[in-house]
Every structure is written in C-alpha cells, then in structure tokens.
N, C-alpha and C. Protein backbone atom coordinates (compact mmCIF):
# COMPACT_ATOMS: atom_id res chain seq x y z
N MET A 1 12.81 -62.59 18.32
CA MET A 1 11.57 -61.95 18.32
C MET A 1 11.67 -60.57 17.79
N SER A 2 10.87 -60.15 16.72
CA SER A 2 10.94 -58.91 16.14
C SER A 2 9.81 -58.10 16.54
N LYS A 3 10.08 -56.71 16.47
CA LYS A 3 8.86 -55.85 16.79
C LYS A 3 8.56 -55.10 15.42
N SER A 4 7.27 -55.00 15.11
CA SER A 4 6.95 -54.35 13.97
C SER A 4 5.86 -53.25 14.34
N SER A 5 6.02 -52.11 13.79
CA SER A 5 5.03 -51.02 13.86
C SER A 5 4.31 -50.53 12.56
N THR A 6 3.17 -50.12 12.88
CA THR A 6 2.51 -49.69 11.69
C THR A 6 2.19 -48.12 11.88
N ALA A 7 2.70 -47.43 10.87
CA ALA A 7 2.50 -45.88 10.92
C ALA A 7 1.31 -45.66 10.06
N VAL A 8 0.42 -44.78 10.52
CA VAL A 8 -0.67 -44.28 9.91
C VAL A 8 -0.52 -42.83 9.43
N ARG A 9 -0.65 -42.55 8.26
CA ARG A 9 -0.46 -41.25 7.73
C ARG A 9 -1.77 -40.62 7.55
N GLN A 10 -1.99 -39.37 7.89
CA GLN A 10 -3.27 -38.65 7.63
C GLN A 10 -2.83 -37.62 6.59
N HIS A 11 -3.84 -37.34 5.64
CA HIS A 11 -3.57 -36.32 4.77
C HIS A 11 -4.55 -35.18 5.22
N THR A 12 -3.92 -34.04 5.33
CA THR A 12 -4.78 -32.94 5.69
C THR A 12 -4.88 -31.85 4.46
N THR A 13 -6.02 -31.53 4.23
CA THR A 13 -6.04 -30.58 3.07
C THR A 13 -6.20 -29.20 3.67
N ILE A 14 -5.15 -28.30 3.19
CA ILE A 14 -5.22 -27.00 3.61
C ILE A 14 -5.79 -26.02 2.46
N GLU A 15 -6.65 -25.25 2.69
CA GLU A 15 -7.37 -24.42 1.76
C GLU A 15 -6.70 -23.05 1.81
N LEU A 16 -5.86 -22.71 0.92
CA LEU A 16 -5.31 -21.32 0.83
C LEU A 16 -6.22 -20.32 0.29
N LYS A 17 -6.23 -19.22 0.83
CA LYS A 17 -7.08 -18.11 0.30
C LYS A 17 -5.97 -16.94 -0.03
N GLU A 18 -6.50 -16.14 -0.99
CA GLU A 18 -5.70 -14.79 -1.34
C GLU A 18 -5.95 -13.87 -0.23
N PRO A 19 -4.85 -13.29 0.18
CA PRO A 19 -4.94 -12.22 1.28
C PRO A 19 -5.85 -11.05 0.75
N HIS A 20 -6.47 -10.45 1.59
CA HIS A 20 -7.39 -9.32 1.32
C HIS A 20 -6.44 -8.19 0.68
N ARG A 21 -6.85 -7.38 -0.08
CA ARG A 21 -6.19 -6.25 -0.87
C ARG A 21 -6.66 -4.95 -0.27
N TYR A 22 -5.91 -4.05 -0.25
CA TYR A 22 -6.28 -2.77 0.33
C TYR A 22 -5.88 -1.57 -0.70
N ARG A 23 -6.69 -0.69 -1.05
CA ARG A 23 -6.41 0.46 -1.78
C ARG A 23 -5.74 1.57 -0.95
N VAL A 24 -4.69 2.06 -1.30
CA VAL A 24 -3.92 3.20 -0.67
C VAL A 24 -4.44 4.50 -1.42
N ILE A 25 -5.10 5.49 -0.68
CA ILE A 25 -5.68 6.66 -1.39
C ILE A 25 -5.04 7.79 -0.86
N LEU A 26 -4.60 8.80 -1.72
CA LEU A 26 -4.03 9.99 -1.52
C LEU A 26 -5.05 10.88 -1.54
N PHE A 27 -5.11 11.95 -0.71
CA PHE A 27 -6.15 13.18 -0.86
C PHE A 27 -5.49 14.54 -1.09
N ASN A 28 -6.17 15.23 -1.78
CA ASN A 28 -5.71 16.67 -2.24
C ASN A 28 -5.88 17.58 -0.90
N ASP A 29 -4.95 18.47 -0.77
CA ASP A 29 -5.03 19.65 0.22
C ASP A 29 -4.50 20.86 -0.50
N ASP A 30 -4.55 21.93 0.14
CA ASP A 30 -4.13 23.25 -0.47
C ASP A 30 -2.76 23.63 -0.02
N ILE A 31 -1.95 22.81 0.66
CA ILE A 31 -0.74 23.23 1.27
C ILE A 31 0.40 22.33 0.60
N THR A 32 0.21 21.02 0.67
CA THR A 32 1.18 20.02 0.11
C THR A 32 1.50 20.43 -1.28
N THR A 33 2.89 20.57 -1.58
CA THR A 33 3.27 20.90 -2.87
C THR A 33 3.12 19.71 -3.93
N MET A 34 2.70 20.11 -5.17
CA MET A 34 2.78 19.00 -6.32
C MET A 34 4.11 18.31 -6.36
N GLU A 35 5.08 18.91 -6.24
CA GLU A 35 6.57 18.43 -6.36
C GLU A 35 6.75 17.34 -5.25
N PHE A 36 6.21 17.70 -4.00
CA PHE A 36 6.38 16.60 -2.93
C PHE A 36 5.56 15.46 -3.05
N VAL A 37 4.30 15.68 -3.71
CA VAL A 37 3.39 14.41 -4.00
C VAL A 37 4.08 13.56 -4.97
N VAL A 38 4.68 14.23 -6.05
CA VAL A 38 5.44 13.38 -7.06
C VAL A 38 6.55 12.65 -6.58
N CYS A 39 7.31 13.30 -5.54
CA CYS A 39 8.36 12.73 -4.79
C CYS A 39 7.79 11.52 -4.10
N VAL A 40 6.82 11.54 -3.39
CA VAL A 40 6.23 10.60 -2.59
C VAL A 40 5.86 9.47 -3.44
N LEU A 41 5.36 9.67 -4.58
CA LEU A 41 4.83 8.71 -5.52
C LEU A 41 6.08 7.92 -6.26
N THR A 42 7.27 8.70 -6.45
CA THR A 42 8.23 7.96 -6.99
C THR A 42 9.11 7.15 -6.00
N GLN A 43 9.27 7.72 -4.75
CA GLN A 43 10.09 7.04 -3.76
C GLN A 43 9.30 6.04 -3.03
N VAL A 44 8.18 6.12 -2.65
CA VAL A 44 7.53 5.18 -1.77
C VAL A 44 6.59 4.29 -2.54
N PHE A 45 6.02 4.54 -3.55
CA PHE A 45 5.29 3.84 -4.34
C PHE A 45 5.80 3.33 -5.91
N HIS A 46 7.25 3.67 -5.97
CA HIS A 46 7.83 3.26 -7.05
C HIS A 46 7.29 3.48 -8.45
N LYS A 47 6.66 4.60 -8.64
CA LYS A 47 6.11 5.02 -9.87
C LYS A 47 7.16 5.81 -10.57
N ASP A 48 7.07 5.67 -11.92
CA ASP A 48 7.85 6.48 -12.82
C ASP A 48 7.46 7.73 -12.89
N GLU A 49 8.32 8.83 -13.39
CA GLU A 49 8.07 10.28 -13.22
C GLU A 49 6.77 10.59 -13.99
N ALA A 50 6.40 10.08 -15.17
CA ALA A 50 5.22 10.24 -15.86
C ALA A 50 4.04 9.97 -15.19
N THR A 51 4.02 8.53 -14.47
CA THR A 51 2.95 7.96 -13.90
C THR A 51 2.72 8.77 -12.66
N ALA A 52 3.58 9.13 -11.93
CA ALA A 52 3.69 10.03 -10.64
C ALA A 52 2.97 11.44 -10.94
N THR A 53 3.24 11.97 -12.06
CA THR A 53 2.85 13.17 -12.39
C THR A 53 1.22 13.05 -12.67
N LYS A 54 0.77 11.97 -13.48
CA LYS A 54 -0.49 11.83 -13.90
C LYS A 54 -1.35 11.47 -12.41
N LEU A 55 -0.77 10.77 -11.62
CA LEU A 55 -1.59 10.46 -10.27
C LEU A 55 -1.49 11.80 -9.46
N MET A 56 -0.50 12.67 -9.49
CA MET A 56 -0.77 13.81 -8.69
C MET A 56 -1.68 14.70 -9.33
N LEU A 57 -1.74 14.90 -10.54
CA LEU A 57 -2.81 15.58 -11.23
C LEU A 57 -4.15 15.16 -10.93
N LYS A 58 -4.37 13.90 -10.92
CA LYS A 58 -5.65 13.33 -10.60
C LYS A 58 -6.06 13.55 -9.20
N VAL A 59 -5.02 13.45 -8.38
CA VAL A 59 -5.36 13.93 -6.94
C VAL A 59 -5.67 15.45 -6.89
N HIS A 60 -5.05 16.19 -7.52
CA HIS A 60 -5.20 17.69 -7.48
C HIS A 60 -6.64 18.06 -8.14
N ASN A 61 -6.94 17.46 -9.32
CA ASN A 61 -8.08 17.77 -9.99
C ASN A 61 -9.46 17.04 -9.47
N GLU A 62 -9.29 15.94 -8.90
CA GLU A 62 -10.52 15.11 -8.47
C GLU A 62 -10.60 14.93 -7.05
N GLY A 63 -9.52 15.49 -6.36
CA GLY A 63 -9.60 15.46 -4.86
C GLY A 63 -8.95 14.16 -4.19
N GLN A 64 -8.69 13.06 -5.07
CA GLN A 64 -8.20 11.85 -4.52
C GLN A 64 -7.93 10.98 -5.64
N ALA A 65 -6.93 9.96 -5.29
CA ALA A 65 -6.58 9.00 -6.25
C ALA A 65 -6.23 7.84 -5.50
N VAL A 66 -6.34 6.70 -6.15
CA VAL A 66 -5.96 5.44 -5.57
C VAL A 66 -4.48 5.24 -6.11
N VAL A 67 -3.55 5.05 -5.34
CA VAL A 67 -2.08 5.18 -5.78
C VAL A 67 -1.42 3.76 -5.83
N GLY A 68 -2.23 2.72 -5.30
CA GLY A 68 -1.65 1.44 -5.22
C GLY A 68 -2.51 0.50 -4.43
N ILE A 69 -2.45 -0.77 -4.75
CA ILE A 69 -3.35 -1.87 -4.24
C ILE A 69 -2.34 -2.83 -3.59
N TYR A 70 -2.42 -3.15 -2.22
CA TYR A 70 -1.62 -4.03 -1.63
C TYR A 70 -2.11 -4.80 -0.68
N THR A 71 -1.35 -5.78 0.02
CA THR A 71 -1.84 -6.44 1.16
C THR A 71 -1.85 -5.56 2.40
N LEU A 72 -2.52 -5.96 3.41
CA LEU A 72 -2.59 -5.03 4.62
C LEU A 72 -1.07 -4.51 5.13
N ASP A 73 -0.21 -5.37 5.32
CA ASP A 73 0.99 -5.00 5.63
C ASP A 73 1.65 -4.05 4.82
N VAL A 74 1.69 -4.30 3.52
CA VAL A 74 2.37 -3.30 2.78
C VAL A 74 1.46 -2.10 2.60
N ALA A 75 0.35 -1.97 2.67
CA ALA A 75 -0.49 -0.75 2.70
C ALA A 75 -0.20 0.10 3.97
N MET A 76 -0.18 -0.57 5.09
CA MET A 76 0.03 0.05 6.31
C MET A 76 1.47 0.70 6.40
N THR A 77 2.41 0.01 5.86
CA THR A 77 3.70 0.34 5.99
C THR A 77 3.92 1.69 4.91
N ARG A 78 3.36 1.59 3.83
CA ARG A 78 3.59 2.73 2.87
C ARG A 78 2.81 3.93 3.36
N VAL A 79 1.57 3.59 4.03
CA VAL A 79 0.85 4.94 4.46
C VAL A 79 1.69 5.55 5.61
N GLU A 80 2.18 4.76 6.40
CA GLU A 80 3.02 5.46 7.59
C GLU A 80 4.21 6.07 7.06
N LYS A 81 5.03 5.54 6.24
CA LYS A 81 6.04 6.01 5.49
C LYS A 81 5.85 7.51 4.97
N VAL A 82 4.68 7.56 4.23
CA VAL A 82 4.36 8.86 3.74
C VAL A 82 3.98 9.89 4.75
N ARG A 83 3.20 9.46 5.70
CA ARG A 83 2.80 10.43 6.84
C ARG A 83 3.97 10.88 7.55
N LYS A 84 5.06 10.01 7.68
CA LYS A 84 6.32 10.56 8.20
C LYS A 84 6.96 11.51 7.45
N MET A 85 7.04 11.15 6.14
CA MET A 85 7.78 12.16 5.36
C MET A 85 7.08 13.47 5.23
N ALA A 86 5.72 13.43 5.09
CA ALA A 86 4.98 14.69 5.21
C ALA A 86 5.18 15.51 6.48
N ARG A 87 5.09 14.84 7.65
CA ARG A 87 5.33 15.41 9.01
C ARG A 87 6.70 16.18 8.83
N GLU A 88 7.76 15.43 8.50
CA GLU A 88 9.14 16.03 8.44
C GLU A 88 9.23 17.21 7.64
N GLU A 89 8.41 17.34 6.55
CA GLU A 89 8.41 18.41 5.69
C GLU A 89 7.39 19.50 5.92
N GLY A 90 6.57 19.28 7.05
CA GLY A 90 5.65 20.22 7.37
C GLY A 90 4.31 20.29 6.53
N PHE A 91 4.00 19.12 5.71
CA PHE A 91 2.87 19.14 4.91
C PHE A 91 1.77 18.27 5.61
N PRO A 92 0.44 18.93 5.51
CA PRO A 92 -0.70 18.01 6.12
C PRO A 92 -1.18 17.00 5.12
N LEU A 93 -0.39 16.41 4.22
CA LEU A 93 -0.76 15.51 3.07
C LEU A 93 -1.60 14.39 3.88
N LYS A 94 -2.74 14.22 3.40
CA LYS A 94 -3.75 12.99 3.98
C LYS A 94 -3.50 11.81 3.00
N ILE A 95 -3.32 10.65 3.64
CA ILE A 95 -3.24 9.33 2.80
C ILE A 95 -3.97 8.39 3.75
N ASP A 96 -4.66 7.43 3.14
CA ASP A 96 -5.17 6.14 3.95
C ASP A 96 -5.31 5.05 3.05
N TYR A 97 -5.78 4.02 3.71
CA TYR A 97 -6.09 2.74 2.97
C TYR A 97 -7.60 2.21 3.33
N GLU A 98 -8.03 1.43 2.55
CA GLU A 98 -9.28 1.00 2.78
C GLU A 98 -9.43 -0.44 2.10
N LYS A 99 -10.11 -1.36 2.50
CA LYS A 99 -10.38 -2.76 2.06
C LYS A 99 -10.95 -2.64 0.68
N GLU A 100 -10.48 -3.37 -0.28
CA GLU A 100 -10.89 -3.47 -1.76
C GLU A 100 -12.10 -4.18 -1.81
C-alpha cells in the first residue's frame, strides 16, 4: 500500500514600490563658517571640493540649498550626523529633510 500526496503551490505576486525619497536641505545662518559647511558637505555628503564650495555659496547667497536626495533612513542619519558635528563645533547650523 503506497501513500501519495498532492502538493498545491500558490503563486503570490508581490508588488514592489520604490521607497519615498527625501531632500536634505541646508540653511544659511550668520555664524556657521563657510569652511565648516564645506567640511560637512565633503565628509558627510561625499561631495568633491568644487561641488561642496558651489553648494556652500548657494546656501550663503540663496538662504538654503538641497544637498542630497535619499531614502528616509539615509536622510535622517546624515541630518543627525551634521547636527552632532555642528553642536560639537558650537555652530547653529540648521539642516532638515522633507519628502520629495
């Protein structure tokens, strides 16, 4: 006597969506030095010196600039890293993120 079993496979379709993206925005102030802003842009956002300088000047002249677009986790991590660096140096640098 042999036993036989029948297996039924179900196919489930999973719809993958792109994660939401967030703009990281750096704001101008009258105290934070331009050198520190360039340092933040090169160290935290991995910009080359020329790009960092252009972004710093945009922040200085226009009051703010988008310095990167990331997933939420990356945006939050970079914003917190910059805030920590600014606090340690005694600068009131304002940085935030917003949904794109």
